[in-house]
């Protein structure tokens, strides 16, 4: 990142990511309640975050993440949710303690450690609460390429743009498939429906949270939530 971020700023961006979408406002009231901070202080921080370029803020309406803010929020959210998965699946921490412990650890978790945990857990796609784990920002086309790459962490190319899973997008949004998460079985499933790296995708229907209709080239295909969660495109309208 171009600048060092305080944990406070990361918490704001993470909360905006949790409760909003790419262009839906999160109210000051929601942020105040979730963060346990007085509304007046929240308003001051939102103005600061807008000046930095991380959010779009409208008084009495709320805020949503800019493209730059979303990239940071995805990164910290990914660390939080993959830590929850690690704490539960490997360390057997009680469910009621997962969130608090992940919050304490997420800000200091290095990219190298995050990548190692991801490999150990075999590229999880959801946290224990079934929330989507965002894609990493390493510039690989799939997880097998990442697993087989033995470059030092500082030498791995990082994406300078946002990726969104198909399950995060609304009807009418479109973009190019740039990352597919998972092992060979996921890659085989995507090939079976005609989706590969470089495919142009348009969302036709995302009202049903278990299946998604997408346009691929000249065909409309139905995707399960599992596939939709693991196919990422570069849409940011």
C-alpha atoms as a PDB file:
ATOM      1  CA  UNK A   1       0.000   0.000   0.000  1.00  0.00           C
ATOM      2  CA  UNK A   2       1.128   3.511  -0.726  1.00  0.00           C
ATOM      3  CA  UNK A   3       0.700   4.595   2.910  1.00  0.00           C
ATOM      4  CA  UNK A   4       0.657   2.957   6.299  1.00  0.00           C
ATOM      5  CA  UNK A   5      -2.889   2.584   7.585  1.00  0.00           C
ATOM      6  CA  UNK A   6      -4.008   2.784  11.169  1.00  0.00           C
ATOM      7  CA  UNK A   7      -6.058  -0.061  12.588  1.00  0.00           C
ATOM      8  CA  UNK A   8      -8.864   2.468  13.054  1.00  0.00           C
ATOM      9  CA  UNK A   9      -9.016   3.263   9.344  1.00  0.00           C
ATOM     10  CA  UNK A  10      -8.869  -0.420   8.449  1.00  0.00           C
ATOM     11  CA  UNK A  11     -11.803  -1.110  10.789  1.00  0.00           C
ATOM     12  CA  UNK A  12     -13.892   1.600   9.097  1.00  0.00           C
ATOM     13  CA  UNK A  13     -13.137   0.286   5.620  1.00  0.00           C
ATOM     14  CA  UNK A  14     -13.770  -3.298   6.687  1.00  0.00           C
ATOM     15  CA  UNK A  15     -17.147  -2.332   8.168  1.00  0.00           C
ATOM     16  CA  UNK A  16     -18.149  -0.443   5.022  1.00  0.00           C
ATOM     17  CA  UNK A  17     -17.241  -3.548   3.017  1.00  0.00           C
ATOM     18  CA  UNK A  18     -19.281  -5.785   5.314  1.00  0.00           C
ATOM     19  CA  UNK A  19     -22.478  -3.746   5.234  1.00  0.00           C
ATOM     20  CA  UNK A  20     -22.340  -2.143   1.790  1.00  0.00           C
ATOM     21  CA  UNK A  21     -21.617  -3.025  -1.793  1.00  0.00           C
ATOM     22  CA  UNK A  22     -19.734  -1.276  -4.567  1.00  0.00           C
ATOM     23  CA  UNK A  23     -22.232   1.577  -4.743  1.00  0.00           C
ATOM     24  CA  UNK A  24     -24.711   1.218  -1.864  1.00  0.00           C
ATOM     25  CA  UNK A  25     -24.469   3.621   1.025  1.00  0.00           C
ATOM     26  CA  UNK A  26     -23.831   2.526   4.606  1.00  0.00           C
ATOM     27  CA  UNK A  27     -25.416   4.913   7.085  1.00  0.00           C
ATOM     28  CA  UNK A  28     -23.577   6.749   9.837  1.00  0.00           C
ATOM     29  CA  UNK A  29     -25.953   5.074  12.298  1.00  0.00           C
ATOM     30  CA  UNK A  30     -24.919   1.605  11.137  1.00  0.00           C
ATOM     31  CA  UNK A  31     -21.226   2.455  11.399  1.00  0.00           C
ATOM     32  CA  UNK A  32     -21.705   4.022  14.825  1.00  0.00           C
ATOM     33  CA  UNK A  33     -23.524   0.965  16.155  1.00  0.00           C
ATOM     34  CA  UNK A  34     -21.134  -1.580  14.664  1.00  0.00           C
ATOM     35  CA  UNK A  35     -17.937   0.214  15.704  1.00  0.00           C
ATOM     36  CA  UNK A  36     -19.191   1.489  19.054  1.00  0.00           C
ATOM     37  CA  UNK A  37     -18.238   5.072  18.182  1.00  0.00           C
ATOM     38  CA  UNK A  38     -20.333   8.237  18.609  1.00  0.00           C
ATOM     39  CA  UNK A  39     -22.096   9.412  15.412  1.00  0.00           C
ATOM     40  CA  UNK A  40     -20.266  12.750  15.465  1.00  0.00           C
ATOM     41  CA  UNK A  41     -16.891  11.020  15.532  1.00  0.00           C
ATOM     42  CA  UNK A  42     -17.988   8.700  12.723  1.00  0.00           C
ATOM     43  CA  UNK A  43     -18.934  11.703  10.579  1.00  0.00           C
ATOM     44  CA  UNK A  44     -15.514  13.285  11.151  1.00  0.00           C
ATOM     45  CA  UNK A  45     -13.750  10.086  10.128  1.00  0.00           C
ATOM     46  CA  UNK A  46     -15.893   9.694   7.006  1.00  0.00           C
ATOM     47  CA  UNK A  47     -14.903  13.194   5.895  1.00  0.00           C
ATOM     48  CA  UNK A  48     -11.263  12.283   6.460  1.00  0.00           C
ATOM     49  CA  UNK A  49     -11.610   9.040   4.498  1.00  0.00           C
ATOM     50  CA  UNK A  50     -13.243  10.920   1.622  1.00  0.00           C
ATOM     51  CA  UNK A  51     -10.389  13.441   1.563  1.00  0.00           C
ATOM     52  CA  UNK A  52      -7.906  10.555   1.359  1.00  0.00           C
ATOM     53  CA  UNK A  53      -9.895   9.022  -1.509  1.00  0.00           C
ATOM     54  CA  UNK A  54     -11.059   5.827   0.163  1.00  0.00           C
ATOM     55  CA  UNK A  55     -14.809   6.500   0.174  1.00  0.00           C
ATOM     56  CA  UNK A  56     -17.643   8.521  -1.325  1.00  0.00           C
ATOM     57  CA  UNK A  57     -19.543  10.330   1.434  1.00  0.00           C
ATOM     58  CA  UNK A  58     -22.896  12.149   1.318  1.00  0.00           C
ATOM     59  CA  UNK A  59     -24.130  13.858   4.534  1.00  0.00           C
ATOM     60  CA  UNK A  60     -27.340  12.343   5.978  1.00  0.00           C
ATOM     61  CA  UNK A  61     -27.055   9.464   3.518  1.00  0.00           C
ATOM     62  CA  UNK A  62     -23.849   7.668   4.354  1.00  0.00           C
ATOM     63  CA  UNK A  63     -20.791   6.381   2.546  1.00  0.00           C
ATOM     64  CA  UNK A  64     -19.569   3.666   0.209  1.00  0.00           C
ATOM     65  CA  UNK A  65     -16.103   2.523  -0.755  1.00  0.00           C
ATOM     66  CA  UNK A  66     -14.170   3.934  -3.686  1.00  0.00           C
ATOM     67  CA  UNK A  67     -12.177   1.540  -5.865  1.00  0.00           C
ATOM     68  CA  UNK A  68      -9.045   2.232  -3.803  1.00  0.00           C
ATOM     69  CA  UNK A  69     -10.900   1.878  -0.515  1.00  0.00           C
ATOM     70  CA  UNK A  70     -12.497  -1.352  -1.673  1.00  0.00           C
ATOM     71  CA  UNK A  71      -9.105  -2.860  -2.499  1.00  0.00           C
ATOM     72  CA  UNK A  72      -7.876  -2.191   1.045  1.00  0.00           C
ATOM     73  CA  UNK A  73     -11.144  -3.379   2.585  1.00  0.00           C
ATOM     74  CA  UNK A  74     -11.051  -6.621   0.610  1.00  0.00           C
ATOM     75  CA  UNK A  75      -7.510  -7.296   1.797  1.00  0.00           C
ATOM     76  CA  UNK A  76      -8.238  -6.804   5.502  1.00  0.00           C
ATOM     77  CA  UNK A  77     -11.572  -8.659   5.219  1.00  0.00           C
ATOM     78  CA  UNK A  78      -9.796 -11.564   3.554  1.00  0.00           C
ATOM     79  CA  UNK A  79      -7.270 -11.744   6.396  1.00  0.00           C
ATOM     80  CA  UNK A  80     -10.021 -11.630   9.007  1.00  0.00           C
ATOM     81  CA  UNK A  81     -12.141 -14.354   7.433  1.00  0.00           C
ATOM     82  CA  UNK A  82      -9.250 -16.671   6.594  1.00  0.00           C
ATOM     83  CA  UNK A  83      -8.050 -16.296  10.186  1.00  0.00           C
ATOM     84  CA  UNK A  84     -11.501 -17.288  11.437  1.00  0.00           C
ATOM     85  CA  UNK A  85     -11.291 -20.385   9.247  1.00  0.00           C
ATOM     86  CA  UNK A  86      -7.820 -21.196  10.639  1.00  0.00           C
ATOM     87  CA  UNK A  87      -8.849 -20.611  14.252  1.00  0.00           C
ATOM     88  CA  UNK A  88     -11.873 -22.888  13.883  1.00  0.00           C
ATOM     89  CA  UNK A  89     -10.586 -25.642  11.604  1.00  0.00           C
ATOM     90  CA  UNK A  90      -7.030 -25.960  12.902  1.00  0.00           C
ATOM     91  CA  UNK A  91      -7.022 -24.621  16.459  1.00  0.00           C
ATOM     92  CA  UNK A  92     -10.605 -25.602  17.365  1.00  0.00           C
ATOM     93  CA  UNK A  93     -11.365 -22.217  18.923  1.00  0.00           C
ATOM     94  CA  UNK A  94     -14.966 -21.842  20.123  1.00  0.00           C
ATOM     95  CA  UNK A  95     -17.305 -20.186  17.620  1.00  0.00           C
ATOM     96  CA  UNK A  96     -18.184 -17.351  19.993  1.00  0.00           C
ATOM     97  CA  UNK A  97     -14.513 -16.363  20.237  1.00  0.00           C
ATOM     98  CA  UNK A  98     -13.583 -16.490  16.541  1.00  0.00           C
ATOM     99  CA  UNK A  99     -14.515 -12.951  15.545  1.00  0.00           C
ATOM    100  CA  UNK A 100     -12.780 -11.202  18.440  1.00  0.00           C
ATOM    101  CA  UNK A 101      -9.576 -13.201  18.088  1.00  0.00           C
ATOM    102  CA  UNK A 102      -9.460 -12.708  14.316  1.00  0.00           C
ATOM    103  CA  UNK A 103      -9.941  -8.948  14.858  1.00  0.00           C
ATOM    104  CA  UNK A 104      -6.901  -8.877  17.125  1.00  0.00           C
ATOM    105  CA  UNK A 105      -4.739 -10.770  14.629  1.00  0.00           C
ATOM    106  CA  UNK A 106      -5.800  -9.422  11.219  1.00  0.00           C
ATOM    107  CA  UNK A 107      -3.902  -6.121  11.346  1.00  0.00           C
ATOM    108  CA  UNK A 108      -0.536  -7.763  12.023  1.00  0.00           C
ATOM    109  CA  UNK A 109      -0.881 -10.815   9.758  1.00  0.00           C
ATOM    110  CA  UNK A 110       1.765 -10.589   7.039  1.00  0.00           C
ATOM    111  CA  UNK A 111       1.007 -11.364   3.395  1.00  0.00           C
ATOM    112  CA  UNK A 112       3.475 -14.265   3.606  1.00  0.00           C
ATOM    113  CA  UNK A 113       1.675 -15.799   6.596  1.00  0.00           C
ATOM    114  CA  UNK A 114      -1.725 -15.248   4.977  1.00  0.00           C
ATOM    115  CA  UNK A 115      -0.570 -17.067   1.842  1.00  0.00           C
ATOM    116  CA  UNK A 116       0.809 -19.962   3.892  1.00  0.00           C
ATOM    117  CA  UNK A 117      -2.470 -20.295   5.812  1.00  0.00           C
ATOM    118  CA  UNK A 118      -4.419 -20.229   2.541  1.00  0.00           C
ATOM    119  CA  UNK A 119      -2.288 -23.051   1.139  1.00  0.00           C
ATOM    120  CA  UNK A 120      -2.633 -25.095   4.329  1.00  0.00           C
ATOM    121  CA  UNK A 121      -6.426 -24.699   4.336  1.00  0.00           C
ATOM    122  CA  UNK A 122      -6.542 -25.494   0.585  1.00  0.00           C
ATOM    123  CA  UNK A 123      -7.900 -22.145  -0.587  1.00  0.00           C
ATOM    124  CA  UNK A 124     -11.102 -21.734   1.470  1.00  0.00           C
ATOM    125  CA  UNK A 125     -13.893 -19.712  -0.099  1.00  0.00           C
ATOM    126  CA  UNK A 126     -16.031 -18.902   2.944  1.00  0.00           C
ATOM    127  CA  UNK A 127     -15.491 -18.167   6.632  1.00  0.00           C
ATOM    128  CA  UNK A 128     -17.270 -20.170   9.384  1.00  0.00           C
ATOM    129  CA  UNK A 129     -20.268 -17.805   9.095  1.00  0.00           C
ATOM    130  CA  UNK A 130     -20.515 -18.690   5.374  1.00  0.00           C
ATOM    131  CA  UNK A 131     -19.404 -15.213   4.272  1.00  0.00           C
ATOM    132  CA  UNK A 132     -17.299 -14.999   1.135  1.00  0.00           C
ATOM    133  CA  UNK A 133     -13.522 -14.783   1.560  1.00  0.00           C
ATOM    134  CA  UNK A 134     -12.303 -12.244  -1.034  1.00  0.00           C
ATOM    135  CA  UNK A 135      -9.648 -13.274  -3.529  1.00  0.00           C
ATOM    136  CA  UNK A 136      -6.021 -12.561  -2.684  1.00  0.00           C
ATOM    137  CA  UNK A 137      -4.309  -9.769  -4.603  1.00  0.00           C
ATOM    138  CA  UNK A 138      -1.444 -11.871  -5.966  1.00  0.00           C
ATOM    139  CA  UNK A 139      -1.560 -11.798  -9.737  1.00  0.00           C
ATOM    140  CA  UNK A 140      -2.187 -15.491 -10.414  1.00  0.00           C
ATOM    141  CA  UNK A 141      -4.865 -16.917 -12.706  1.00  0.00           C
ATOM    142  CA  UNK A 142      -5.688 -19.763 -10.294  1.00  0.00           C
ATOM    143  CA  UNK A 143      -4.641 -21.307  -6.987  1.00  0.00           C
ATOM    144  CA  UNK A 144      -2.574 -24.067  -8.581  1.00  0.00           C
ATOM    145  CA  UNK A 145      -0.289 -21.430 -10.132  1.00  0.00           C
ATOM    146  CA  UNK A 146       0.130 -19.811  -6.711  1.00  0.00           C
ATOM    147  CA  UNK A 147       0.818 -23.147  -5.036  1.00  0.00           C
ATOM    148  CA  UNK A 148       3.477 -24.051  -7.594  1.00  0.00           C
ATOM    149  CA  UNK A 149       5.184 -20.653  -7.555  1.00  0.00           C
ATOM    150  CA  UNK A 150       8.202 -20.598  -5.250  1.00  0.00           C
ATOM    151  CA  UNK A 151       9.178 -16.945  -5.616  1.00  0.00           C
ATOM    152  CA  UNK A 152       9.901 -14.942  -2.499  1.00  0.00           C
ATOM    153  CA  UNK A 153       6.767 -13.135  -1.348  1.00  0.00           C
ATOM    154  CA  UNK A 154       8.280  -9.745  -2.221  1.00  0.00           C
ATOM    155  CA  UNK A 155       8.864 -10.858  -5.809  1.00  0.00           C
ATOM    156  CA  UNK A 156       5.288 -11.945  -6.548  1.00  0.00           C
ATOM    157  CA  UNK A 157       3.367  -9.511  -8.743  1.00  0.00           C
ATOM    158  CA  UNK A 158       0.351  -7.891  -7.075  1.00  0.00           C
ATOM    159  CA  UNK A 159      -2.816  -6.780  -8.881  1.00  0.00           C
ATOM    160  CA  UNK A 160      -3.491  -3.045  -8.950  1.00  0.00           C
ATOM    161  CA  UNK A 161      -7.232  -3.487  -9.531  1.00  0.00           C
ATOM    162  CA  UNK A 162     -10.231  -5.020  -7.763  1.00  0.00           C
ATOM    163  CA  UNK A 163     -11.661  -8.476  -8.346  1.00  0.00           C
ATOM    164  CA  UNK A 164     -15.233  -9.461  -7.502  1.00  0.00           C
ATOM    165  CA  UNK A 165     -16.769 -12.902  -7.450  1.00  0.00           C
ATOM    166  CA  UNK A 166     -19.837 -13.481  -9.597  1.00  0.00           C
ATOM    167  CA  UNK A 167     -21.849 -13.929  -6.395  1.00  0.00           C
ATOM    168  CA  UNK A 168     -21.027 -10.334  -5.370  1.00  0.00           C
ATOM    169  CA  UNK A 169     -22.342  -8.726  -8.539  1.00  0.00           C
ATOM    170  CA  UNK A 170     -25.743  -7.390  -9.532  1.00  0.00           C
ATOM    171  CA  UNK A 171     -27.761  -7.994 -12.684  1.00  0.00           C
ATOM    172  CA  UNK A 172     -26.245  -6.224 -15.677  1.00  0.00           C
ATOM    173  CA  UNK A 173     -22.690  -6.037 -14.358  1.00  0.00           C
ATOM    174  CA  UNK A 174     -20.004  -7.532 -16.535  1.00  0.00           C
ATOM    175  CA  UNK A 175     -16.284  -8.039 -16.798  1.00  0.00           C
ATOM    176  CA  UNK A 176     -13.463 -10.387 -17.743  1.00  0.00           C
ATOM    177  CA  UNK A 177     -12.668 -13.540 -15.776  1.00  0.00           C
ATOM    178  CA  UNK A 178      -9.176 -13.047 -14.350  1.00  0.00           C
ATOM    179  CA  UNK A 179      -9.006 -15.495 -11.440  1.00  0.00           C
ATOM    180  CA  UNK A 180     -10.560 -18.867 -10.613  1.00  0.00           C
ATOM    181  CA  UNK A 181     -10.112 -20.107  -7.045  1.00  0.00           C
ATOM    182  CA  UNK A 182      -9.724 -23.757  -6.119  1.00  0.00           C
ATOM    183  CA  UNK A 183      -8.142 -26.999  -7.250  1.00  0.00           C
ATOM    184  CA  UNK A 184      -8.408 -28.780 -10.591  1.00  0.00           C
ATOM    185  CA  UNK A 185     -11.983 -29.870  -9.845  1.00  0.00           C
ATOM    186  CA  UNK A 186     -13.163 -26.250  -9.814  1.00  0.00           C
ATOM    187  CA  UNK A 187     -11.254 -25.517 -13.015  1.00  0.00           C
ATOM    188  CA  UNK A 188     -12.887 -28.548 -14.633  1.00  0.00           C
ATOM    189  CA  UNK A 189     -16.364 -27.394 -13.585  1.00  0.00           C
ATOM    190  CA  UNK A 190     -15.815 -23.947 -15.044  1.00  0.00           C
ATOM    191  CA  UNK A 191     -14.545 -25.461 -18.291  1.00  0.00           C
ATOM    192  CA  UNK A 192     -17.669 -27.633 -18.448  1.00  0.00           C
ATOM    193  CA  UNK A 193     -19.844 -24.495 -18.571  1.00  0.00           C
ATOM    194  CA  UNK A 194     -17.574 -22.725 -21.036  1.00  0.00           C
ATOM    195  CA  UNK A 195     -15.819 -20.354 -18.628  1.00  0.00           C
ATOM    196  CA  UNK A 196     -12.045 -19.881 -18.745  1.00  0.00           C
ATOM    197  CA  UNK A 197      -9.580 -17.148 -17.865  1.00  0.00           C
ATOM    198  CA  UNK A 198     -10.334 -14.310 -20.278  1.00  0.00           C
ATOM    199  CA  UNK A 199     -14.022 -15.145 -20.722  1.00  0.00           C
ATOM    200  CA  UNK A 200     -16.340 -12.142 -20.825  1.00  0.00           C
ATOM    201  CA  UNK A 201     -19.137 -12.530 -18.281  1.00  0.00           C
ATOM    202  CA  UNK A 202     -22.414 -10.638 -17.913  1.00  0.00           C
ATOM    203  CA  UNK A 203     -24.708 -11.198 -14.919  1.00  0.00           C
ATOM    204  CA  UNK A 204     -28.236 -12.014 -16.125  1.00  0.00           C
ATOM    205  CA  UNK A 205     -29.870 -12.877 -12.798  1.00  0.00           C
ATOM    206  CA  UNK A 206     -28.504 -12.802  -9.246  1.00  0.00           C
ATOM    207  CA  UNK A 207     -31.761 -12.713  -7.272  1.00  0.00           C
ATOM    208  CA  UNK A 208     -31.456 -16.315  -6.132  1.00  0.00           C
ATOM    209  CA  UNK A 209     -28.606 -16.710  -3.638  1.00  0.00           C
ATOM    210  CA  UNK A 210     -28.080 -20.367  -4.570  1.00  0.00           C
ATOM    211  CA  UNK A 211     -27.908 -20.124  -8.368  1.00  0.00           C
ATOM    212  CA  UNK A 212     -26.723 -17.419 -10.753  1.00  0.00           C
ATOM    213  CA  UNK A 213     -27.472 -16.928 -14.439  1.00  0.00           C
ATOM    214  CA  UNK A 214     -24.596 -15.501 -16.462  1.00  0.00           C
ATOM    215  CA  UNK A 215     -24.002 -14.764 -20.119  1.00  0.00           C
ATOM    216  CA  UNK A 216     -20.791 -16.271 -21.493  1.00  0.00           C
ATOM    217  CA  UNK A 217     -20.102 -15.397 -25.122  1.00  0.00           C
ATOM    218  CA  UNK A 218     -23.421 -16.319 -26.817  1.00  0.00           C
ATOM    219  CA  UNK A 219     -24.695 -18.709 -24.154  1.00  0.00           C
ATOM    220  CA  UNK A 220     -26.530 -18.313 -20.854  1.00  0.00           C
ATOM    221  CA  UNK A 221     -25.431 -20.738 -18.167  1.00  0.00           C
ATOM    222  CA  UNK A 222     -26.561 -21.420 -14.601  1.00  0.00           C
ATOM    223  CA  UNK A 223     -23.916 -21.510 -11.889  1.00  0.00           C
ATOM    224  CA  UNK A 224     -24.145 -22.940  -8.399  1.00  0.00           C
ATOM    225  CA  UNK A 225     -23.224 -20.639  -5.547  1.00  0.00           C
ATOM    226  CA  UNK A 226     -19.986 -22.593  -5.056  1.00  0.00           C
ATOM    227  CA  UNK A 227     -18.846 -21.808  -8.593  1.00  0.00           C
ATOM    228  CA  UNK A 228     -20.130 -18.231  -8.442  1.00  0.00           C
ATOM    229  CA  UNK A 229     -18.127 -17.655  -5.252  1.00  0.00           C
ATOM    230  CA  UNK A 230     -14.923 -18.815  -6.908  1.00  0.00           C
ATOM    231  CA  UNK A 231     -15.010 -17.113 -10.318  1.00  0.00           C
ATOM    232  CA  UNK A 232     -13.642 -13.562 -10.129  1.00  0.00           C
ATOM    233  CA  UNK A 233     -13.939 -10.753 -12.664  1.00  0.00           C
ATOM    234  CA  UNK A 234     -12.633  -7.189 -12.802  1.00  0.00           C
ATOM    235  CA  UNK A 235     -15.975  -5.381 -12.728  1.00  0.00           C
ATOM    236  CA  UNK A 236     -16.091  -1.992 -11.028  1.00  0.00           C
ATOM    237  CA  UNK A 237     -18.894   0.104 -12.533  1.00  0.00           C
END
